PDB file of all heavy atoms in Angstrom:
ATOM      1  N   SER A   1      18.023  -5.416   9.664  1.00  0.00           N
ATOM      2  CA  SER A   1      17.721  -4.818   8.353  1.00  0.00           C
ATOM      3  C   SER A   1      16.232  -4.574   8.187  1.00  0.00           C
ATOM      4  O   SER A   1      15.798  -3.534   7.732  1.00  0.00           O
ATOM      5  CB  SER A   1      18.196  -5.744   7.238  1.00  0.00           C
ATOM      6  OG  SER A   1      19.530  -5.477   6.945  1.00  0.00           O
ATOM      7  N   ILE A   2      15.463  -5.600   8.547  1.00  0.00           N
ATOM      8  CA  ILE A   2      13.987  -5.482   8.490  1.00  0.00           C
ATOM      9  C   ILE A   2      13.421  -6.459   9.514  1.00  0.00           C
ATOM     10  O   ILE A   2      13.977  -7.520   9.740  1.00  0.00           O
ATOM     11  CB  ILE A   2      13.447  -5.780   7.071  1.00  0.00           C
ATOM     12  CG1 ILE A   2      11.988  -5.291   6.891  1.00  0.00           C
ATOM     13  CG2 ILE A   2      13.505  -7.239   6.711  1.00  0.00           C
ATOM     14  CD1 ILE A   2      11.886  -3.987   6.200  1.00  0.00           C
ATOM     15  N   GLY A   3      12.344  -6.059  10.147  1.00  0.00           N
ATOM     16  CA  GLY A   3      11.720  -6.911  11.157  1.00  0.00           C
ATOM     17  C   GLY A   3      10.407  -6.290  11.581  1.00  0.00           C
ATOM     18  O   GLY A   3      10.006  -5.247  11.043  1.00  0.00           O
ATOM     19  N   PRO A   4       9.710  -6.897  12.559  1.00  0.00           N
ATOM     20  CA  PRO A   4       8.408  -6.360  12.997  1.00  0.00           C
ATOM     21  C   PRO A   4       8.474  -4.885  13.393  1.00  0.00           C
ATOM     22  O   PRO A   4       7.563  -4.118  13.091  1.00  0.00           O
ATOM     23  CB  PRO A   4       8.047  -7.237  14.199  1.00  0.00           C
ATOM     24  CG  PRO A   4       8.820  -8.504  14.001  1.00  0.00           C
ATOM     25  CD  PRO A   4      10.069  -8.134  13.274  1.00  0.00           C
ATOM     26  N   TRP A   5       9.571  -4.481  14.050  1.00  0.00           N
ATOM     27  CA  TRP A   5       9.717  -3.083  14.495  1.00  0.00           C
ATOM     28  C   TRP A   5       9.741  -2.154  13.282  1.00  0.00           C
ATOM     29  O   TRP A   5       9.048  -1.141  13.257  1.00  0.00           O
ATOM     30  CB  TRP A   5      11.012  -2.944  15.308  1.00  0.00           C
ATOM     31  CG  TRP A   5      11.274  -1.567  15.851  1.00  0.00           C
ATOM     32  CD1 TRP A   5      10.700  -0.986  16.950  1.00  0.00           C
ATOM     33  CD2 TRP A   5      12.201  -0.602  15.322  1.00  0.00           C
ATOM     34  NE1 TRP A   5      11.204   0.276  17.138  1.00  0.00           N
ATOM     35  CE2 TRP A   5      12.135   0.543  16.152  1.00  0.00           C
ATOM     36  CE3 TRP A   5      13.085  -0.590  14.240  1.00  0.00           C
ATOM     37  CZ2 TRP A   5      12.912   1.684  15.936  1.00  0.00           C
ATOM     38  CZ3 TRP A   5      13.861   0.548  14.019  1.00  0.00           C
ATOM     39  CH2 TRP A   5      13.769   1.663  14.859  1.00  0.00           C
ATOM     40  N   HIS A   6      10.526  -2.521  12.259  1.00  0.00           N
ATOM     41  CA  HIS A   6      10.609  -1.703  11.039  1.00  0.00           C
ATOM     42  C   HIS A   6       9.264  -1.646  10.316  1.00  0.00           C
ATOM     43  O   HIS A   6       8.856  -0.586   9.841  1.00  0.00           O
ATOM     44  CB  HIS A   6      11.627  -2.299  10.044  1.00  0.00           C
ATOM     45  CG  HIS A   6      13.029  -2.320  10.540  1.00  0.00           C
ATOM     46  ND1 HIS A   6      13.542  -3.373  11.264  1.00  0.00           N
ATOM     47  CD2 HIS A   6      14.027  -1.418  10.426  1.00  0.00           C
ATOM     48  CE1 HIS A   6      14.806  -3.113  11.555  1.00  0.00           C
ATOM     49  NE2 HIS A   6      15.124  -1.939  11.064  1.00  0.00           N
ATOM     50  N   ILE A   7       8.614  -2.806  10.213  1.00  0.00           N
ATOM     51  CA  ILE A   7       7.368  -2.892   9.424  1.00  0.00           C
ATOM     52  C   ILE A   7       6.273  -2.022  10.025  1.00  0.00           C
ATOM     53  O   ILE A   7       5.564  -1.305   9.304  1.00  0.00           O
ATOM     54  CB  ILE A   7       6.929  -4.373   9.264  1.00  0.00           C
ATOM     55  CG1 ILE A   7       7.931  -5.091   8.337  1.00  0.00           C
ATOM     56  CG2 ILE A   7       5.519  -4.472   8.703  1.00  0.00           C
ATOM     57  CD1 ILE A   7       7.869  -6.603   8.384  1.00  0.00           C
ATOM     58  N   ILE A   8       6.146  -2.043  11.363  1.00  0.00           N
ATOM     59  CA  ILE A   8       5.118  -1.211  12.035  1.00  0.00           C
ATOM     60  C   ILE A   8       5.365   0.267  11.728  1.00  0.00           C
ATOM     61  O   ILE A   8       4.449   1.007  11.354  1.00  0.00           O
ATOM     62  CB  ILE A   8       5.107  -1.464  13.565  1.00  0.00           C
ATOM     63  CG1 ILE A   8       4.526  -2.862  13.862  1.00  0.00           C
ATOM     64  CG2 ILE A   8       4.303  -0.394  14.301  1.00  0.00           C
ATOM     65  CD1 ILE A   8       4.770  -3.369  15.261  1.00  0.00           C
ATOM     66  N   ILE A   9       6.626   0.695  11.850  1.00  0.00           N
ATOM     67  CA  ILE A   9       6.959   2.106  11.593  1.00  0.00           C
ATOM     68  C   ILE A   9       6.764   2.450  10.112  1.00  0.00           C
ATOM     69  O   ILE A   9       6.190   3.484   9.776  1.00  0.00           O
ATOM     70  CB  ILE A   9       8.411   2.415  12.041  1.00  0.00           C
ATOM     71  CG1 ILE A   9       8.528   2.255  13.560  1.00  0.00           C
ATOM     72  CG2 ILE A   9       8.834   3.817  11.632  1.00  0.00           C
ATOM     73  CD1 ILE A   9       9.952   2.203  14.062  1.00  0.00           C
ATOM     74  N   ALA A  10       7.208   1.551   9.225  1.00  0.00           N
ATOM     75  CA  ALA A  10       7.099   1.800   7.781  1.00  0.00           C
ATOM     76  C   ALA A  10       5.643   1.935   7.351  1.00  0.00           C
ATOM     77  O   ALA A  10       5.288   2.853   6.602  1.00  0.00           O
ATOM     78  CB  ALA A  10       7.781   0.677   7.000  1.00  0.00           C
ATOM     79  N   VAL A  11       4.785   1.033   7.841  1.00  0.00           N
ATOM     80  CA  VAL A  11       3.354   1.085   7.490  1.00  0.00           C
ATOM     81  C   VAL A  11       2.745   2.369   8.034  1.00  0.00           C
ATOM     82  O   VAL A  11       2.003   3.074   7.340  1.00  0.00           O
ATOM     83  CB  VAL A  11       2.604  -0.162   8.017  1.00  0.00           C
ATOM     84  CG1 VAL A  11       1.097   0.025   7.885  1.00  0.00           C
ATOM     85  CG2 VAL A  11       3.057  -1.420   7.280  1.00  0.00           C
ATOM     86  N   ALA A  12       3.086   2.695   9.283  1.00  0.00           N
ATOM     87  CA  ALA A  12       2.515   3.899   9.916  1.00  0.00           C
ATOM     88  C   ALA A  12       2.908   5.159   9.145  1.00  0.00           C
ATOM     89  O   ALA A  12       2.044   5.946   8.759  1.00  0.00           O
ATOM     90  CB  ALA A  12       2.965   3.998  11.375  1.00  0.00           C
ATOM     91  N   ILE A  13       4.210   5.336   8.885  1.00  0.00           N
ATOM     92  CA  ILE A  13       4.605   6.603   8.234  1.00  0.00           C
ATOM     93  C   ILE A  13       4.234   6.656   6.754  1.00  0.00           C
ATOM     94  O   ILE A  13       4.132   7.734   6.187  1.00  0.00           O
ATOM     95  CB  ILE A  13       6.102   6.984   8.429  1.00  0.00           C
ATOM     96  CG1 ILE A  13       7.047   5.902   7.978  1.00  0.00           C
ATOM     97  CG2 ILE A  13       6.388   7.441   9.817  1.00  0.00           C
ATOM     98  CD1 ILE A  13       8.512   6.303   8.073  1.00  0.00           C
ATOM     99  N   SER A  14       3.984   5.494   6.147  1.00  0.00           N
ATOM    100  CA  SER A  14       3.556   5.534   4.740  1.00  0.00           C
ATOM    101  C   SER A  14       2.147   6.128   4.614  1.00  0.00           C
ATOM    102  O   SER A  14       1.759   6.596   3.541  1.00  0.00           O
ATOM    103  CB  SER A  14       3.587   4.142   4.116  1.00  0.00           C
ATOM    104  OG  SER A  14       2.568   3.330   4.649  1.00  0.00           O
ATOM    105  N   LEU A  15       1.383   6.152   5.725  1.00  0.00           N
ATOM    106  CA  LEU A  15       0.026   6.706   5.690  1.00  0.00           C
ATOM    107  C   LEU A  15       0.019   8.207   5.398  1.00  0.00           C
ATOM    108  O   LEU A  15      -0.993   8.744   4.956  1.00  0.00           O
ATOM    109  CB  LEU A  15      -0.710   6.431   7.015  1.00  0.00           C
ATOM    110  CG  LEU A  15      -0.918   4.953   7.392  1.00  0.00           C
ATOM    111  CD1 LEU A  15      -1.631   4.837   8.734  1.00  0.00           C
ATOM    112  CD2 LEU A  15      -1.708   4.205   6.320  1.00  0.00           C
ATOM    113  N   VAL A  16       1.164   8.889   5.620  1.00  0.00           N
ATOM    114  CA  VAL A  16       1.198  10.337   5.312  1.00  0.00           C
ATOM    115  C   VAL A  16       1.016  10.564   3.815  1.00  0.00           C
ATOM    116  O   VAL A  16       0.641  11.655   3.390  1.00  0.00           O
ATOM    117  CB  VAL A  16       2.520  11.035   5.765  1.00  0.00           C
ATOM    118  CG1 VAL A  16       2.784  10.860   7.228  1.00  0.00           C
ATOM    119  CG2 VAL A  16       3.708  10.597   4.939  1.00  0.00           C
ATOM    120  N   LYS A  17       1.275   9.530   3.017  1.00  0.00           N
ATOM    121  CA  LYS A  17       1.192   9.689   1.566  1.00  0.00           C
ATOM    122  C   LYS A  17      -0.258   9.794   1.067  1.00  0.00           C
ATOM    123  O   LYS A  17      -0.485  10.235  -0.051  1.00  0.00           O
ATOM    124  CB  LYS A  17       1.901   8.521   0.862  1.00  0.00           C
ATOM    125  CG  LYS A  17       3.385   8.417   1.174  1.00  0.00           C
ATOM    126  CD  LYS A  17       4.195   9.516   0.516  1.00  0.00           C
ATOM    127  CE  LYS A  17       4.596   9.143  -0.873  1.00  0.00           C
ATOM    128  NZ  LYS A  17       5.533  10.106  -1.466  1.00  0.00           N
ATOM    129  N   PHE A  18      -1.224   9.385   1.887  1.00  0.00           N
ATOM    130  CA  PHE A  18      -2.639   9.563   1.496  1.00  0.00           C
ATOM    131  C   PHE A  18      -2.968  11.057   1.394  1.00  0.00           C
ATOM    132  O   PHE A  18      -3.380  11.518   0.322  1.00  0.00           O
ATOM    133  CB  PHE A  18      -3.582   8.859   2.478  1.00  0.00           C
ATOM    134  CG  PHE A  18      -3.692   7.374   2.262  1.00  0.00           C
ATOM    135  CD1 PHE A  18      -3.105   6.480   3.135  1.00  0.00           C
ATOM    136  CD2 PHE A  18      -4.372   6.855   1.160  1.00  0.00           C
ATOM    137  CE1 PHE A  18      -3.192   5.098   2.930  1.00  0.00           C
ATOM    138  CE2 PHE A  18      -4.477   5.489   0.941  1.00  0.00           C
ATOM    139  CZ  PHE A  18      -3.887   4.609   1.829  1.00  0.00           C
ATOM    140  N   PRO A  19      -2.782  11.842   2.485  1.00  0.00           N
ATOM    141  CA  PRO A  19      -3.055  13.283   2.359  1.00  0.00           C
ATOM    142  C   PRO A  19      -2.170  13.961   1.309  1.00  0.00           C
ATOM    143  O   PRO A  19      -2.589  14.921   0.673  1.00  0.00           O
ATOM    144  CB  PRO A  19      -2.742  13.843   3.759  1.00  0.00           C
ATOM    145  CG  PRO A  19      -2.791  12.679   4.672  1.00  0.00           C
ATOM    146  CD  PRO A  19      -2.407  11.477   3.869  1.00  0.00           C
ATOM    147  N   VAL A  20      -0.943  13.455   1.119  1.00  0.00           N
ATOM    148  CA  VAL A  20      -0.054  14.031   0.098  1.00  0.00           C
ATOM    149  C   VAL A  20      -0.723  13.942  -1.277  1.00  0.00           C
ATOM    150  O   VAL A  20      -0.792  14.929  -2.016  1.00  0.00           O
ATOM    151  CB  VAL A  20       1.318  13.305   0.083  1.00  0.00           C
ATOM    152  CG1 VAL A  20       2.108  13.667  -1.167  1.00  0.00           C
ATOM    153  CG2 VAL A  20       2.134  13.664   1.323  1.00  0.00           C
ATOM    154  N   ALA A  21      -1.251  12.770  -1.609  1.00  0.00           N
ATOM    155  CA  ALA A  21      -1.936  12.580  -2.906  1.00  0.00           C
ATOM    156  C   ALA A  21      -3.207  13.421  -2.967  1.00  0.00           C
ATOM    157  O   ALA A  21      -3.477  14.086  -3.977  1.00  0.00           O
ATOM    158  CB  ALA A  21      -2.266  11.104  -3.108  1.00  0.00           C
ATOM    159  N   TRP A  22      -4.005  13.383  -1.892  1.00  0.00           N
ATOM    160  CA  TRP A  22      -5.274  14.120  -1.889  1.00  0.00           C
ATOM    161  C   TRP A  22      -5.048  15.611  -2.143  1.00  0.00           C
ATOM    162  O   TRP A  22      -5.731  16.225  -2.957  1.00  0.00           O
ATOM    163  CB  TRP A  22      -6.005  13.921  -0.563  1.00  0.00           C
ATOM    164  CG  TRP A  22      -6.437  12.516  -0.310  1.00  0.00           C
ATOM    165  CD1 TRP A  22      -6.673  11.540  -1.252  1.00  0.00           C
ATOM    166  CD2 TRP A  22      -6.667  11.906   0.960  1.00  0.00           C
ATOM    167  NE1 TRP A  22      -7.037  10.368  -0.639  1.00  0.00           N
ATOM    168  CE2 TRP A  22      -7.047  10.554   0.726  1.00  0.00           C
ATOM    169  CE3 TRP A  22      -6.593  12.346   2.277  1.00  0.00           C
ATOM    170  CZ2 TRP A  22      -7.351   9.666   1.753  1.00  0.00           C
ATOM    171  CZ3 TRP A  22      -6.897  11.462   3.310  1.00  0.00           C
ATOM    172  CH2 TRP A  22      -7.276  10.133   3.042  1.00  0.00           C
ATOM    173  N   HIS A  23      -4.089  16.198  -1.428  1.00  0.00           N
ATOM    174  CA  HIS A  23      -3.858  17.647  -1.551  1.00  0.00           C
ATOM    175  C   HIS A  23      -3.171  18.014  -2.862  1.00  0.00           C
ATOM    176  O   HIS A  23      -3.554  18.977  -3.518  1.00  0.00           O
ATOM    177  CB  HIS A  23      -3.032  18.160  -0.361  1.00  0.00           C
ATOM    178  CG  HIS A  23      -3.804  18.220   0.919  1.00  0.00           C
ATOM    179  ND1 HIS A  23      -4.801  19.145   1.123  1.00  0.00           N
ATOM    180  CD2 HIS A  23      -3.745  17.475   2.054  1.00  0.00           C
ATOM    181  CE1 HIS A  23      -5.326  18.970   2.340  1.00  0.00           C
ATOM    182  NE2 HIS A  23      -4.694  17.955   2.915  1.00  0.00           N
ATOM    183  N   GLN A  24      -2.149  17.242  -3.263  1.00  0.00           N
ATOM    184  CA  GLN A  24      -1.397  17.585  -4.470  1.00  0.00           C
ATOM    185  C   GLN A  24      -2.231  17.437  -5.740  1.00  0.00           C
ATOM    186  O   GLN A  24      -2.023  18.154  -6.711  1.00  0.00           O
ATOM    187  CB  GLN A  24      -0.158  16.683  -4.599  1.00  0.00           C
ATOM    188  CG  GLN A  24       1.004  17.130  -3.748  1.00  0.00           C
ATOM    189  CD  GLN A  24       2.297  16.479  -4.185  1.00  0.00           C
ATOM    190  OE1 GLN A  24       2.319  15.383  -4.717  1.00  0.00           O
ATOM    191  NE2 GLN A  24       3.391  17.145  -3.947  1.00  0.00           N
ATOM    192  N   LEU A  25      -3.163  16.480  -5.739  1.00  0.00           N
ATOM    193  CA  LEU A  25      -3.935  16.197  -6.955  1.00  0.00           C
ATOM    194  C   LEU A  25      -5.381  16.700  -6.861  1.00  0.00           C
ATOM    195  O   LEU A  25      -6.235  16.302  -7.635  1.00  0.00           O
ATOM    196  CB  LEU A  25      -3.920  14.688  -7.238  1.00  0.00           C
ATOM    197  CG  LEU A  25      -2.510  14.079  -7.413  1.00  0.00           C
ATOM    198  CD1 LEU A  25      -2.554  12.564  -7.315  1.00  0.00           C
ATOM    199  CD2 LEU A  25      -1.891  14.500  -8.728  1.00  0.00           C
TER     200      LEU A  25
END
């Protein structure tokens, strides 16, 4: 359900939200 493998991927792909905020706002 959740583990080190999930957390690494989740943290990595959540970084796309920085440019999303920068560009949208």
